[in-house]
Amino acid sequence: MIEPGARCSRHSIKPLNAYGSTMERKNDNMLGFDDIVFMLLETLKSNGTFDEIRRHCVTDIDAKPTYQNWKQRIESNVNKFLSKVKYTPELNKNTVRERLRK
């Protein structure tokens, strides 16, 4: 695990930002908090742990009765709304989405 304030040589770990360029180092090659968080997330994503955690959380939420009731109400309201919308090739999906949100 990388400790906050860990030093990094210029030739070893070089985390990349979202745009693919090397992140700037703070104070004599010290890794910043954002650098460490980015590196940890990239590691979790690259070895599949992030997806495993996400799947576990979603499965846990899906099993709760409160979520099931909420999901059923949402699906019912959306189906009711869409049953009143007449489809035409010119139908603007964004307009329909905005009307549904209101």
PDB file of N, CA and C in Angstrom:
ATOM      1  N   MET A   1       0.848  -1.183   0.000  1.00  0.00           N
ATOM      2  CA  MET A   1       0.000   0.000   0.000  1.00  0.00           C
ATOM      3  C   MET A   1       0.887   1.238   0.000  1.00  0.00           C
ATOM      4  N   ILE A   2       0.471   2.255  -0.695  1.00  0.00           N
ATOM      5  CA  ILE A   2       1.239   3.494  -0.779  1.00  0.00           C
ATOM      6  C   ILE A   2       0.830   4.392   0.374  1.00  0.00           C
ATOM      7  N   GLU A   3       1.792   4.794   1.164  1.00  0.00           N
ATOM      8  CA  GLU A   3       1.535   5.663   2.304  1.00  0.00           C
ATOM      9  C   GLU A   3       1.494   7.116   1.853  1.00  0.00           C
ATOM     10  N   PRO A   4       0.613   7.953   2.455  1.00  0.00           N
ATOM     11  CA  PRO A   4       0.640   9.380   2.141  1.00  0.00           C
ATOM     12  C   PRO A   4       2.031   9.936   2.422  1.00  0.00           C
ATOM     13  N   GLY A   5       2.531  10.736   1.519  1.00  0.00           N
ATOM     14  CA  GLY A   5       3.850  11.319   1.678  1.00  0.00           C
ATOM     15  C   GLY A   5       4.965  10.423   1.171  1.00  0.00           C
ATOM     16  N   ALA A   6       4.615   9.289   0.535  1.00  0.00           N
ATOM     17  CA  ALA A   6       5.642   8.381   0.022  1.00  0.00           C
ATOM     18  C   ALA A   6       6.434   9.068  -1.078  1.00  0.00           C
ATOM     19  N   ARG A   7       7.723   8.767  -1.103  1.00  0.00           N
ATOM     20  CA  ARG A   7       8.571   9.339  -2.147  1.00  0.00           C
ATOM     21  C   ARG A   7       8.580   8.406  -3.349  1.00  0.00           C
ATOM     22  N   CYS A   8       8.783   8.999  -4.481  1.00  0.00           N
ATOM     23  CA  CYS A   8       8.733   8.250  -5.719  1.00  0.00           C
ATOM     24  C   CYS A   8       9.879   8.715  -6.607  1.00  0.00           C
ATOM     25  N   SER A   9      10.694   7.804  -7.075  1.00  0.00           N
ATOM     26  CA  SER A   9      11.779   8.230  -7.965  1.00  0.00           C
ATOM     27  C   SER A   9      11.198   8.603  -9.318  1.00  0.00           C
ATOM     28  N   ARG A  10      11.888   9.412 -10.031  1.00  0.00           N
ATOM     29  CA  ARG A  10      11.401   9.863 -11.336  1.00  0.00           C
ATOM     30  C   ARG A  10      11.258   8.706 -12.318  1.00  0.00           C
ATOM     31  N   HIS A  11      11.959   7.611 -12.094  1.00  0.00           N
ATOM     32  CA  HIS A  11      11.945   6.529 -13.063  1.00  0.00           C
ATOM     33  C   HIS A  11      11.074   5.353 -12.644  1.00  0.00           C
ATOM     34  N   SER A  12      10.436   5.431 -11.486  1.00  0.00           N
ATOM     35  CA  SER A  12       9.588   4.312 -11.088  1.00  0.00           C
ATOM     36  C   SER A  12       8.131   4.650 -11.348  1.00  0.00           C
ATOM     37  N   ILE A  13       7.348   4.828 -10.324  1.00  0.00           N
ATOM     38  CA  ILE A  13       5.913   5.053 -10.479  1.00  0.00           C
ATOM     39  C   ILE A  13       5.662   6.442 -11.040  1.00  0.00           C
ATOM     40  N   LYS A  14       4.967   6.486 -12.151  1.00  0.00           N
ATOM     41  CA  LYS A  14       4.579   7.765 -12.737  1.00  0.00           C
ATOM     42  C   LYS A  14       3.090   7.687 -13.050  1.00  0.00           C
ATOM     43  N   PRO A  15       2.233   8.057 -12.100  1.00  0.00           N
ATOM     44  CA  PRO A  15       0.797   7.979 -12.351  1.00  0.00           C
ATOM     45  C   PRO A  15       0.392   8.924 -13.467  1.00  0.00           C
ATOM     46  N   LEU A  16      -0.612   8.510 -14.211  1.00  0.00           N
ATOM     47  CA  LEU A  16      -1.126   9.332 -15.298  1.00  0.00           C
ATOM     48  C   LEU A  16      -2.454   9.926 -14.892  1.00  0.00           C
ATOM     49  N   ASN A  17      -2.725  11.116 -15.401  1.00  0.00           N
ATOM     50  CA  ASN A  17      -4.031  11.702 -15.143  1.00  0.00           C
ATOM     51  C   ASN A  17      -5.022  11.171 -16.169  1.00  0.00           C
ATOM     52  N   ALA A  18      -6.256  11.670 -16.136  1.00  0.00           N
ATOM     53  CA  ALA A  18      -7.303  11.185 -17.028  1.00  0.00           C
ATOM     54  C   ALA A  18      -6.975  11.410 -18.498  1.00  0.00           C
ATOM     55  N   TYR A  19      -6.060  12.310 -18.783  1.00  0.00           N
ATOM     56  CA  TYR A  19      -5.725  12.614 -20.170  1.00  0.00           C
ATOM     57  C   TYR A  19      -4.484  11.869 -20.632  1.00  0.00           C
ATOM     58  N   GLY A  20      -3.915  11.024 -19.777  1.00  0.00           N
ATOM     59  CA  GLY A  20      -2.784  10.210 -20.162  1.00  0.00           C
ATOM     60  C   GLY A  20      -1.423  10.849 -19.971  1.00  0.00           C
ATOM     61  N   SER A  21      -1.366  12.043 -19.413  1.00  0.00           N
ATOM     62  CA  SER A  21      -0.061  12.662 -19.196  1.00  0.00           C
ATOM     63  C   SER A  21       0.369  12.465 -17.744  1.00  0.00           C
ATOM     64  N   THR A  22       1.673  12.494 -17.517  1.00  0.00           N
ATOM     65  CA  THR A  22       2.206  12.273 -16.175  1.00  0.00           C
ATOM     66  C   THR A  22       1.785  13.394 -15.243  1.00  0.00           C
ATOM     67  N   MET A  23       1.367  13.017 -14.035  1.00  0.00           N
ATOM     68  CA  MET A  23       0.930  14.014 -13.057  1.00  0.00           C
ATOM     69  C   MET A  23       2.126  14.776 -12.510  1.00  0.00           C
ATOM     70  N   GLU A  24       1.894  16.010 -12.152  1.00  0.00           N
ATOM     71  CA  GLU A  24       2.950  16.830 -11.547  1.00  0.00           C
ATOM     72  C   GLU A  24       3.196  16.362 -10.117  1.00  0.00           C
ATOM     73  N   ARG A  25       4.414  16.362  -9.694  1.00  0.00           N
ATOM     74  CA  ARG A  25       4.770  15.997  -8.328  1.00  0.00           C
ATOM     75  C   ARG A  25       4.783  17.253  -7.459  1.00  0.00           C
ATOM     76  N   LYS A  26       4.510  17.061  -6.209  1.00  0.00           N
ATOM     77  CA  LYS A  26       4.524  18.168  -5.272  1.00  0.00           C
ATOM     78  C   LYS A  26       5.760  18.036  -4.394  1.00  0.00           C
ATOM     79  N   ASN A  27       6.461  19.115  -4.151  1.00  0.00           N
ATOM     80  CA  ASN A  27       7.581  19.159  -3.198  1.00  0.00           C
ATOM     81  C   ASN A  27       8.540  17.976  -3.319  1.00  0.00           C
ATOM     82  N   ASP A  28       9.511  18.109  -4.143  1.00  0.00           N
ATOM     83  CA  ASP A  28      10.604  17.140  -4.204  1.00  0.00           C
ATOM     84  C   ASP A  28      10.115  15.717  -4.488  1.00  0.00           C
ATOM     85  N   ASN A  29       9.332  15.554  -5.534  1.00  0.00           N
ATOM     86  CA  ASN A  29       8.843  14.242  -5.988  1.00  0.00           C
ATOM     87  C   ASN A  29       7.907  13.537  -5.010  1.00  0.00           C
ATOM     88  N   MET A  30       7.319  14.244  -4.068  1.00  0.00           N
ATOM     89  CA  MET A  30       6.382  13.629  -3.152  1.00  0.00           C
ATOM     90  C   MET A  30       5.041  13.448  -3.866  1.00  0.00           C
ATOM     91  N   LEU A  31       4.423  12.302  -3.656  1.00  0.00           N
ATOM     92  CA  LEU A  31       3.115  12.068  -4.248  1.00  0.00           C
ATOM     93  C   LEU A  31       2.068  12.865  -3.480  1.00  0.00           C
ATOM     94  N   GLY A  32       1.169  13.514  -4.198  1.00  0.00           N
ATOM     95  CA  GLY A  32       0.077  14.228  -3.560  1.00  0.00           C
ATOM     96  C   GLY A  32      -1.073  13.279  -3.260  1.00  0.00           C
ATOM     97  N   PHE A  33      -2.011  13.734  -2.474  1.00  0.00           N
ATOM     98  CA  PHE A  33      -3.174  12.925  -2.106  1.00  0.00           C
ATOM     99  C   PHE A  33      -3.928  12.477  -3.349  1.00  0.00           C
ATOM    100  N   ASP A  34      -4.164  13.402  -4.291  1.00  0.00           N
ATOM    101  CA  ASP A  34      -4.889  13.058  -5.516  1.00  0.00           C
ATOM    102  C   ASP A  34      -4.151  11.999  -6.324  1.00  0.00           C
ATOM    103  N   ASP A  35      -2.818  12.087  -6.353  1.00  0.00           N
ATOM    104  CA  ASP A  35      -2.017  11.097  -7.074  1.00  0.00           C
ATOM    105  C   ASP A  35      -2.210   9.705  -6.471  1.00  0.00           C
ATOM    106  N   ILE A  36      -2.186   9.654  -5.153  1.00  0.00           N
ATOM    107  CA  ILE A  36      -2.318   8.373  -4.455  1.00  0.00           C
ATOM    108  C   ILE A  36      -3.703   7.786  -4.685  1.00  0.00           C
ATOM    109  N   VAL A  37      -4.732   8.612  -4.569  1.00  0.00           N
ATOM    110  CA  VAL A  37      -6.099   8.142  -4.796  1.00  0.00           C
ATOM    111  C   VAL A  37      -6.235   7.622  -6.220  1.00  0.00           C
ATOM    112  N   PHE A  38      -5.710   8.374  -7.182  1.00  0.00           N
ATOM    113  CA  PHE A  38      -5.782   7.959  -8.581  1.00  0.00           C
ATOM    114  C   PHE A  38      -5.085   6.616  -8.786  1.00  0.00           C
ATOM    115  N   MET A  39      -3.894   6.473  -8.225  1.00  0.00           N
ATOM    116  CA  MET A  39      -3.141   5.227  -8.390  1.00  0.00           C
ATOM    117  C   MET A  39      -3.871   4.047  -7.754  1.00  0.00           C
ATOM    118  N   LEU A  40      -4.447   4.257  -6.583  1.00  0.00           N
ATOM    119  CA  LEU A  40      -5.185   3.182  -5.919  1.00  0.00           C
ATOM    120  C   LEU A  40      -6.406   2.770  -6.731  1.00  0.00           C
ATOM    121  N   LEU A  41      -7.147   3.759  -7.232  1.00  0.00           N
ATOM    122  CA  LEU A  41      -8.326   3.437  -8.038  1.00  0.00           C
ATOM    123  C   LEU A  41      -7.941   2.712  -9.318  1.00  0.00           C
ATOM    124  N   GLU A  42      -6.886   3.157  -9.971  1.00  0.00           N
ATOM    125  CA  GLU A  42      -6.434   2.486 -11.191  1.00  0.00           C
ATOM    126  C   GLU A  42      -6.028   1.047 -10.902  1.00  0.00           C
ATOM    127  N   THR A  43      -5.376   0.825  -9.772  1.00  0.00           N
ATOM    128  CA  THR A  43      -4.985  -0.534  -9.398  1.00  0.00           C
ATOM    129  C   THR A  43      -6.218  -1.386  -9.135  1.00  0.00           C
ATOM    130  N   LEU A  44      -7.179  -0.844  -8.387  1.00  0.00           N
ATOM    131  CA  LEU A  44      -8.414  -1.583  -8.108  1.00  0.00           C
ATOM    132  C   LEU A  44      -9.167  -1.909  -9.393  1.00  0.00           C
ATOM    133  N   LYS A  45      -9.203  -0.965 -10.316  1.00  0.00           N
ATOM    134  CA  LYS A  45      -9.895  -1.192 -11.585  1.00  0.00           C
ATOM    135  C   LYS A  45      -9.163  -2.216 -12.441  1.00  0.00           C
ATOM    136  N   SER A  46      -7.853  -2.114 -12.520  1.00  0.00           N
ATOM    137  CA  SER A  46      -7.097  -2.989 -13.417  1.00  0.00           C
ATOM    138  C   SER A  46      -7.090  -4.444 -12.962  1.00  0.00           C
ATOM    139  N   ASN A  47      -7.197  -4.694 -11.662  1.00  0.00           N
ATOM    140  CA  ASN A  47      -7.199  -6.091 -11.217  1.00  0.00           C
ATOM    141  C   ASN A  47      -8.610  -6.631 -10.966  1.00  0.00           C
ATOM    142  N   GLY A  48      -9.648  -5.853 -11.291  1.00  0.00           N
ATOM    143  CA  GLY A  48     -11.025  -6.329 -11.200  1.00  0.00           C
ATOM    144  C   GLY A  48     -11.678  -6.162  -9.844  1.00  0.00           C
ATOM    145  N   THR A  49     -10.951  -5.669  -8.862  1.00  0.00           N
ATOM    146  CA  THR A  49     -11.504  -5.521  -7.514  1.00  0.00           C
ATOM    147  C   THR A  49     -12.616  -4.479  -7.481  1.00  0.00           C
ATOM    148  N   PHE A  50     -12.456  -3.389  -8.227  1.00  0.00           N
ATOM    149  CA  PHE A  50     -13.457  -2.329  -8.249  1.00  0.00           C
ATOM    150  C   PHE A  50     -14.804  -2.877  -8.727  1.00  0.00           C
ATOM    151  N   ASP A  51     -14.801  -3.659  -9.823  1.00  0.00           N
ATOM    152  CA  ASP A  51     -16.041  -4.245 -10.340  1.00  0.00           C
ATOM    153  C   ASP A  51     -16.647  -5.232  -9.351  1.00  0.00           C
ATOM    154  N   GLU A  52     -15.791  -5.980  -8.672  1.00  0.00           N
ATOM    155  CA  GLU A  52     -16.273  -6.939  -7.683  1.00  0.00           C
ATOM    156  C   GLU A  52     -16.986  -6.219  -6.536  1.00  0.00           C
ATOM    157  N   ILE A  53     -16.409  -5.139  -6.050  1.00  0.00           N
ATOM    158  CA  ILE A  53     -17.022  -4.351  -4.972  1.00  0.00           C
ATOM    159  C   ILE A  53     -18.337  -3.748  -5.449  1.00  0.00           C
ATOM    160  N   ARG A  54     -18.326  -3.191  -6.660  1.00  0.00           N
ATOM    161  CA  ARG A  54     -19.535  -2.578  -7.210  1.00  0.00           C
ATOM    162  C   ARG A  54     -20.652  -3.613  -7.343  1.00  0.00           C
ATOM    163  N   ARG A  55     -20.330  -4.792  -7.893  1.00  0.00           N
ATOM    164  CA  ARG A  55     -21.335  -5.853  -8.041  1.00  0.00           C
ATOM    165  C   ARG A  55     -21.895  -6.269  -6.683  1.00  0.00           C
ATOM    166  N   HIS A  56     -21.028  -6.392  -5.698  1.00  0.00           N
ATOM    167  CA  HIS A  56     -21.461  -6.779  -4.356  1.00  0.00           C
ATOM    168  C   HIS A  56     -22.431  -5.740  -3.786  1.00  0.00           C
ATOM    169  N   CYS A  57     -22.099  -4.461  -3.947  1.00  0.00           N
ATOM    170  CA  CYS A  57     -22.961  -3.386  -3.432  1.00  0.00           C
ATOM    171  C   CYS A  57     -24.306  -3.365  -4.147  1.00  0.00           C
ATOM    172  N   VAL A  58     -24.283  -3.502  -5.466  1.00  0.00           N
ATOM    173  CA  VAL A  58     -25.528  -3.477  -6.239  1.00  0.00           C
ATOM    174  C   VAL A  58     -26.400  -4.672  -5.871  1.00  0.00           C
ATOM    175  N   THR A  59     -25.798  -5.844  -5.718  1.00  0.00           N
ATOM    176  CA  THR A  59     -26.546  -7.040  -5.329  1.00  0.00           C
ATOM    177  C   THR A  59     -27.182  -6.840  -3.962  1.00  0.00           C
ATOM    178  N   ASP A  60     -26.459  -6.247  -3.052  1.00  0.00           N
ATOM    179  CA  ASP A  60     -26.968  -5.990  -1.709  1.00  0.00           C
ATOM    180  C   ASP A  60     -28.154  -5.025  -1.754  1.00  0.00           C
ATOM    181  N   ILE A  61     -28.044  -3.980  -2.562  1.00  0.00           N
ATOM    182  CA  ILE A  61     -29.123  -2.996  -2.677  1.00  0.00           C
ATOM    183  C   ILE A  61     -30.338  -3.608  -3.354  1.00  0.00           C
ATOM    184  N   ASP A  62     -30.122  -4.374  -4.432  1.00  0.00           N
ATOM    185  CA  ASP A  62     -31.228  -4.998  -5.166  1.00  0.00           C
ATOM    186  C   ASP A  62     -32.079  -5.900  -4.282  1.00  0.00           C
ATOM    187  N   ALA A  63     -31.488  -6.479  -3.258  1.00  0.00           N
ATOM    188  CA  ALA A  63     -32.201  -7.422  -2.400  1.00  0.00           C
ATOM    189  C   ALA A  63     -33.084  -6.730  -1.362  1.00  0.00           C
ATOM    190  N   LYS A  64     -32.932  -5.458  -1.160  1.00  0.00           N
ATOM    191  CA  LYS A  64     -33.678  -4.751  -0.113  1.00  0.00           C
ATOM    192  C   LYS A  64     -35.107  -4.442  -0.584  1.00  0.00           C
ATOM    193  N   PRO A  65     -36.103  -4.710   0.271  1.00  0.00           N
ATOM    194  CA  PRO A  65     -37.502  -4.459  -0.088  1.00  0.00           C
ATOM    195  C   PRO A  65     -37.778  -2.992  -0.426  1.00  0.00           C
ATOM    196  N   THR A  66     -37.116  -2.081   0.245  1.00  0.00           N
ATOM    197  CA  THR A  66     -37.324  -0.657  -0.031  1.00  0.00           C
ATOM    198  C   THR A  66     -36.961  -0.335  -1.470  1.00  0.00           C
ATOM    199  N   TYR A  67     -35.835  -0.863  -1.924  1.00  0.00           N
ATOM    200  CA  TYR A  67     -35.406  -0.631  -3.305  1.00  0.00           C
ATOM    201  C   TYR A  67     -36.370  -1.302  -4.282  1.00  0.00           C
ATOM    202  N   GLN A  68     -36.806  -2.513  -3.973  1.00  0.00           N
ATOM    203  CA  GLN A  68     -37.730  -3.227  -4.853  1.00  0.00           C
ATOM    204  C   GLN A  68     -39.037  -2.445  -5.020  1.00  0.00           C
ATOM    205  N   ASN A  69     -39.559  -1.906  -3.913  1.00  0.00           N
ATOM    206  CA  ASN A  69     -40.792  -1.108  -3.985  1.00  0.00           C
ATOM    207  C   ASN A  69     -40.578   0.158  -4.805  1.00  0.00           C
ATOM    208  N   TRP A  70     -39.469   0.825  -4.574  1.00  0.00           N
ATOM    209  CA  TRP A  70     -39.150   2.048  -5.316  1.00  0.00           C
ATOM    210  C   TRP A  70     -39.025   1.750  -6.808  1.00  0.00           C
ATOM    211  N   LYS A  71     -38.308   0.687  -7.135  1.00  0.00           N
ATOM    212  CA  LYS A  71     -38.107   0.306  -8.537  1.00  0.00           C
ATOM    213  C   LYS A  71     -39.444  -0.012  -9.206  1.00  0.00           C
ATOM    214  N   GLN A  72     -40.313  -0.715  -8.497  1.00  0.00           N
ATOM    215  CA  GLN A  72     -41.619  -1.075  -9.042  1.00  0.00           C
ATOM    216  C   GLN A  72     -42.464   0.178  -9.296  1.00  0.00           C
ATOM    217  N   ARG A  73     -42.435   1.131  -8.363  1.00  0.00           N
ATOM    218  CA  ARG A  73     -43.188   2.378  -8.552  1.00  0.00           C
ATOM    219  C   ARG A  73     -42.669   3.161  -9.750  1.00  0.00           C
ATOM    220  N   ILE A  74     -41.339   3.238  -9.884  1.00  0.00           N
ATOM    221  CA  ILE A  74     -40.742   3.967 -11.006  1.00  0.00           C
ATOM    222  C   ILE A  74     -41.133   3.315 -12.324  1.00  0.00           C
ATOM    223  N   GLU A  75     -40.977   1.995 -12.412  1.00  0.00           N
ATOM    224  CA  GLU A  75     -41.314   1.288 -13.651  1.00  0.00           C
ATOM    225  C   GLU A  75     -42.784   1.450 -13.995  1.00  0.00           C
ATOM    226  N   SER A  76     -43.638   1.411 -12.994  1.00  0.00           N
ATOM    227  CA  SER A  76     -45.076   1.586 -13.216  1.00  0.00           C
ATOM    228  C   SER A  76     -45.380   2.982 -13.751  1.00  0.00           C
ATOM    229  N   ASN A  77     -44.778   4.000 -13.134  1.00  0.00           N
ATOM    230  CA  ASN A  77     -45.005   5.376 -13.591  1.00  0.00           C
ATOM    231  C   ASN A  77     -44.463   5.610 -14.996  1.00  0.00           C
ATOM    232  N   VAL A  78     -43.315   5.049 -15.307  1.00  0.00           N
ATOM    233  CA  VAL A  78     -42.735   5.209 -16.648  1.00  0.00           C
ATOM    234  C   VAL A  78     -43.616   4.511 -17.680  1.00  0.00           C
ATOM    235  N   ASN A  79     -44.060   3.298 -17.382  1.00  0.00           N
ATOM    236  CA  ASN A  79     -44.932   2.581 -18.319  1.00  0.00           C
ATOM    237  C   ASN A  79     -46.243   3.324 -18.537  1.00  0.00           C
ATOM    238  N   LYS A  80     -46.795   3.872 -17.470  1.00  0.00           N
ATOM    239  CA  LYS A  80     -48.038   4.646 -17.571  1.00  0.00           C
ATOM    240  C   LYS A  80     -47.823   5.875 -18.450  1.00  0.00           C
ATOM    241  N   PHE A  81     -46.723   6.578 -18.226  1.00  0.00           N
ATOM    242  CA  PHE A  81     -46.404   7.760 -19.025  1.00  0.00           C
ATOM    243  C   PHE A  81     -46.213   7.392 -20.495  1.00  0.00           C
ATOM    244  N   LEU A  82     -45.429   6.344 -20.751  1.00  0.00           N
ATOM    245  CA  LEU A  82     -45.135   5.964 -22.135  1.00  0.00           C
ATOM    246  C   LEU A  82     -46.363   5.439 -22.869  1.00  0.00           C
ATOM    247  N   SER A  83     -47.321   4.888 -22.141  1.00  0.00           N
ATOM    248  CA  SER A  83     -48.541   4.403 -22.796  1.00  0.00           C
ATOM    249  C   SER A  83     -49.359   5.557 -23.377  1.00  0.00           C
ATOM    250  N   LYS A  84     -49.139   6.762 -22.864  1.00  0.00           N
ATOM    251  CA  LYS A  84     -49.856   7.944 -23.351  1.00  0.00           C
ATOM    252  C   LYS A  84     -49.113   8.662 -24.470  1.00  0.00           C
ATOM    253  N   VAL A  85     -47.868   8.275 -24.710  1.00  0.00           N
ATOM    254  CA  VAL A  85     -47.059   8.929 -25.743  1.00  0.00           C
ATOM    255  C   VAL A  85     -47.263   8.187 -27.050  1.00  0.00           C
ATOM    256  N   LYS A  86     -47.655   8.933 -28.074  1.00  0.00           N
ATOM    257  CA  LYS A  86     -47.846   8.325 -29.388  1.00  0.00           C
ATOM    258  C   LYS A  86     -46.526   8.407 -30.151  1.00  0.00           C
ATOM    259  N   TYR A  87     -46.052   7.256 -30.594  1.00  0.00           N
ATOM    260  CA  TYR A  87     -44.776   7.210 -31.308  1.00  0.00           C
ATOM    261  C   TYR A  87     -44.935   7.684 -32.748  1.00  0.00           C
ATOM    262  N   THR A  88     -44.031   8.545 -33.155  1.00  0.00           N
ATOM    263  CA  THR A  88     -43.893   8.947 -34.558  1.00  0.00           C
ATOM    264  C   THR A  88     -42.397   8.983 -34.863  1.00  0.00           C
ATOM    265  N   PRO A  89     -42.024   8.807 -36.129  1.00  0.00           N
ATOM    266  CA  PRO A  89     -40.597   8.861 -36.469  1.00  0.00           C
ATOM    267  C   PRO A  89     -39.954  10.204 -36.109  1.00  0.00           C
ATOM    268  N   GLU A  90     -40.750  11.251 -36.046  1.00  0.00           N
ATOM    269  CA  GLU A  90     -40.226  12.581 -35.731  1.00  0.00           C
ATOM    270  C   GLU A  90     -40.142  12.841 -34.229  1.00  0.00           C
ATOM    271  N   LEU A  91     -40.570  11.888 -33.432  1.00  0.00           N
ATOM    272  CA  LEU A  91     -40.602  12.064 -31.979  1.00  0.00           C
ATOM    273  C   LEU A  91     -39.199  12.360 -31.445  1.00  0.00           C
ATOM    274  N   ASN A  92     -39.097  13.430 -30.676  1.00  0.00           N
ATOM    275  CA  ASN A  92     -37.818  13.827 -30.098  1.00  0.00           C
ATOM    276  C   ASN A  92     -37.675  13.168 -28.724  1.00  0.00           C
ATOM    277  N   LYS A  93     -36.712  12.257 -28.599  1.00  0.00           N
ATOM    278  CA  LYS A  93     -36.526  11.520 -27.341  1.00  0.00           C
ATOM    279  C   LYS A  93     -36.205  12.445 -26.174  1.00  0.00           C
ATOM    280  N   ASN A  94     -35.439  13.486 -26.430  1.00  0.00           N
ATOM    281  CA  ASN A  94     -35.069  14.400 -25.344  1.00  0.00           C
ATOM    282  C   ASN A  94     -36.283  15.134 -24.797  1.00  0.00           C
ATOM    283  N   THR A  95     -37.192  15.511 -25.675  1.00  0.00           N
ATOM    284  CA  THR A  95     -38.421  16.175 -25.238  1.00  0.00           C
ATOM    285  C   THR A  95     -39.253  15.222 -24.379  1.00  0.00           C
ATOM    286  N   VAL A  96     -39.358  13.979 -24.811  1.00  0.00           N
ATOM    287  CA  VAL A  96     -40.119  12.981 -24.050  1.00  0.00           C
ATOM    288  C   VAL A  96     -39.478  12.768 -22.677  1.00  0.00           C
ATOM    289  N   ARG A  97     -38.164  12.700 -22.633  1.00  0.00           N
ATOM    290  CA  ARG A  97     -37.469  12.534 -21.344  1.00  0.00           C
ATOM    291  C   ARG A  97     -37.748  13.705 -20.412  1.00  0.00           C
ATOM    292  N   GLU A  98     -37.707  14.910 -20.955  1.00  0.00           N
ATOM    293  CA  GLU A  98     -37.976  16.099 -20.133  1.00  0.00           C
ATOM    294  C   GLU A  98     -39.401  16.073 -19.595  1.00  0.00           C
ATOM    295  N   ARG A  99     -40.357  15.690 -20.428  1.00  0.00           N
ATOM    296  CA  ARG A  99     -41.750  15.610 -19.968  1.00  0.00           C
ATOM    297  C   ARG A  99     -41.901  14.547 -18.883  1.00  0.00           C
ATOM    298  N   LEU A 100     -41.198  13.444 -19.027  1.00  0.00           N
ATOM    299  CA  LEU A 100     -41.258  12.378 -18.024  1.00  0.00           C
ATOM    300  C   LEU A 100     -40.692  12.847 -16.686  1.00  0.00           C
ATOM    301  N   ARG A 101     -39.640  13.632 -16.720  1.00  0.00           N
ATOM    302  CA  ARG A 101     -39.023  14.120 -15.481  1.00  0.00           C
ATOM    303  C   ARG A 101     -39.945  15.041 -14.702  1.00  0.00           C
ATOM    304  N   LYS A 102     -40.842  15.734 -15.389  1.00  0.00           N
ATOM    305  CA  LYS A 102     -41.737  16.689 -14.713  1.00  0.00           C
ATOM    306  C   LYS A 102     -42.899  16.005 -14.119  1.00  0.00           C
TER     307      LYS A 102
END
